[in-house]
Amino acid sequence: MKYVQFIEKVSERMGGSLGQAEAVTQATLLTLAERITGGEARDLAAQLPTELREFLHKKDEPAEAFDLNEFVRRVSLRADVDRDTANKGVPAVFQTLHAAVSTGEFEDVLAQLPKEFQNLVPTAVKRR
């Protein structure tokens, strides 16, 4: 999936502008990089458009432990959007990630996250 297509899909799924979709995508990837191990962040980045890879770069290998509520709070702050927009945007990014990377890679990412993150990707999206 190309960068522009990725952002358009996020925008469509969250019902926001392309600018909001881009900001939320970047903030979600930055926050995801904090929440997963460095190796997993690199594996995920390798399957994404070049323009998105930098947001998954992390200096530390260990994952930081925090829940979905904190994840959305951080995305809201980083993207400079309200909580409602972040609540719509985070699932939109996860759904687009699922469509953009291999099933195995997406499952590897989810395996490092609390179970509540699985609810971000409805069954219909999981099946593609």
Protein backbone atom coordinates (compact mmCIF):
# COMPACT_ATOMS: atom_id res chain seq x y z
CA MET A 1 0.00 0.00 0.00
CA LYS A 2 1.31 3.46 -0.92
CA TYR A 3 1.52 6.32 1.58
CA VAL A 4 -1.26 8.41 0.02
CA GLN A 5 -3.56 5.40 -0.14
CA PHE A 6 -2.82 4.59 3.52
CA ILE A 7 -3.72 8.13 4.65
CA GLU A 8 -6.85 8.18 2.45
CA LYS A 9 -8.02 4.90 4.00
CA VAL A 10 -7.46 6.22 7.53
CA SER A 11 -9.33 9.43 6.63
CA GLU A 12 -12.23 7.45 5.20
CA ARG A 13 -12.42 5.09 8.18
CA MET A 14 -12.25 7.84 10.81
CA GLY A 15 -14.45 10.31 8.94
CA GLY A 16 -11.87 13.08 9.17
CA SER A 17 -9.81 15.27 6.89
CA LEU A 18 -6.62 14.07 5.22
CA GLY A 19 -4.65 16.38 7.52
CA GLN A 20 -6.24 14.86 10.62
CA ALA A 21 -5.71 11.36 9.23
CA GLU A 22 -2.04 12.07 8.62
CA ALA A 23 -1.52 13.54 12.10
CA VAL A 24 -3.38 10.69 13.80
CA THR A 25 -1.51 8.08 11.74
CA GLN A 26 1.86 9.53 12.71
CA ALA A 27 0.86 9.87 16.37
CA THR A 28 -0.53 6.32 16.46
CA LEU A 29 2.65 4.86 15.00
CA LEU A 30 4.83 6.84 17.43
CA THR A 31 2.73 5.62 20.34
CA LEU A 32 2.67 2.07 19.02
CA ALA A 33 6.48 2.13 18.84
CA GLU A 34 6.52 2.92 22.56
CA ARG A 35 4.11 0.07 23.30
CA ILE A 36 5.87 -2.74 21.37
CA THR A 37 9.45 -3.99 21.37
CA GLY A 38 12.04 -2.37 19.14
CA GLY A 39 12.37 -5.53 17.06
CA GLU A 40 8.64 -5.70 16.45
CA ALA A 41 8.52 -2.00 15.58
CA ARG A 42 11.27 -2.57 12.99
CA ASP A 43 9.47 -5.63 11.57
CA LEU A 44 6.25 -3.64 11.21
CA ALA A 45 8.04 -0.63 9.71
CA ALA A 46 9.62 -2.85 7.05
CA GLN A 47 6.16 -3.59 5.63
CA LEU A 48 4.93 0.01 5.55
CA PRO A 49 5.45 2.83 3.06
CA THR A 50 8.81 4.56 3.49
CA GLU A 51 7.13 7.78 4.66
CA LEU A 52 5.68 5.96 7.71
CA ARG A 53 8.74 4.00 8.80
CA GLU A 54 10.38 6.83 10.73
CA PHE A 55 7.44 6.94 13.14
CA LEU A 56 8.17 3.38 14.25
CA HIS A 57 11.84 4.03 14.98
CA LYS A 58 12.72 3.59 18.62
CA LYS A 59 15.94 3.78 20.57
CA ASP A 60 14.99 1.35 23.32
CA GLU A 61 14.24 -2.31 22.79
CA PRO A 62 11.79 -2.88 25.69
CA ALA A 63 8.11 -2.11 25.34
CA GLU A 64 6.47 0.37 27.68
CA ALA A 65 3.35 -1.04 29.39
CA PHE A 66 0.18 1.04 29.16
CA ASP A 67 -3.47 0.38 28.31
CA LEU A 68 -5.66 1.45 25.40
CA ASN A 69 -7.00 4.48 27.28
CA GLU A 70 -3.46 5.80 27.77
CA PHE A 71 -2.64 4.93 24.15
CA VAL A 72 -5.54 7.08 22.88
CA ARG A 73 -4.62 9.89 25.30
CA ARG A 74 -1.08 10.00 23.93
CA VAL A 75 -2.32 9.96 20.34
CA SER A 76 -4.71 12.82 21.10
CA LEU A 77 -1.87 14.93 22.55
CA ARG A 78 0.64 14.09 19.80
CA ALA A 79 -1.79 14.65 16.93
CA ASP A 80 -3.25 17.77 18.60
CA VAL A 81 -6.78 16.45 18.17
CA ASP A 82 -9.62 16.08 20.65
CA ARG A 83 -10.25 12.78 22.41
CA ASP A 84 -13.23 11.90 20.18
CA THR A 85 -11.12 12.28 17.03
CA ALA A 86 -8.39 10.14 18.56
CA ASN A 87 -10.98 7.52 19.57
CA LYS A 88 -12.07 7.31 15.93
CA GLY A 89 -8.60 7.65 14.50
CA VAL A 90 -6.74 4.95 16.43
CA PRO A 91 -9.04 2.13 15.23
CA ALA A 92 -8.88 3.56 11.70
CA VAL A 93 -5.08 3.35 11.76
CA PHE A 94 -5.10 -0.18 13.19
CA GLN A 95 -7.60 -1.32 10.55
CA THR A 96 -5.48 0.23 7.81
CA LEU A 97 -2.34 -1.35 9.25
CA HIS A 98 -4.08 -4.70 9.15
CA ALA A 99 -4.86 -4.23 5.47
CA ALA A 100 -1.34 -2.96 4.67
CA VAL A 101 0.84 -5.63 6.30
CA SER A 102 0.90 -9.42 6.33
CA THR A 103 -1.54 -11.21 8.62
CA GLY A 104 1.36 -12.76 10.52
CA GLU A 105 2.99 -9.39 11.15
CA PHE A 106 -0.24 -7.82 12.32
CA GLU A 107 -0.85 -10.76 14.66
CA ASP A 108 2.69 -10.38 16.02
CA VAL A 109 1.96 -6.73 16.85
CA LEU A 110 -1.37 -7.57 18.51
CA ALA A 111 0.33 -10.31 20.54
CA GLN A 112 2.39 -7.62 22.30
CA LEU A 113 -0.66 -5.53 23.17
CA PRO A 114 -3.37 -6.03 25.80
CA LYS A 115 -6.46 -7.94 24.64
CA GLU A 116 -8.50 -4.71 24.48
CA PHE A 117 -6.54 -3.69 21.36
CA GLN A 118 -8.04 -6.61 19.45
CA ASN A 119 -11.40 -4.81 19.57
CA LEU A 120 -9.94 -2.09 17.33
CA VAL A 121 -10.15 -4.43 14.34
CA PRO A 122 -13.64 -5.81 13.72
CA THR A 123 -14.01 -9.36 12.44
CA ALA A 124 -14.99 -8.10 8.98
CA VAL A 125 -11.71 -6.21 8.68
CA LYS A 126 -9.75 -9.16 10.03
CA ARG A 127 -11.00 -11.28 7.16
CA ARG A 128 -10.31 -8.47 4.67
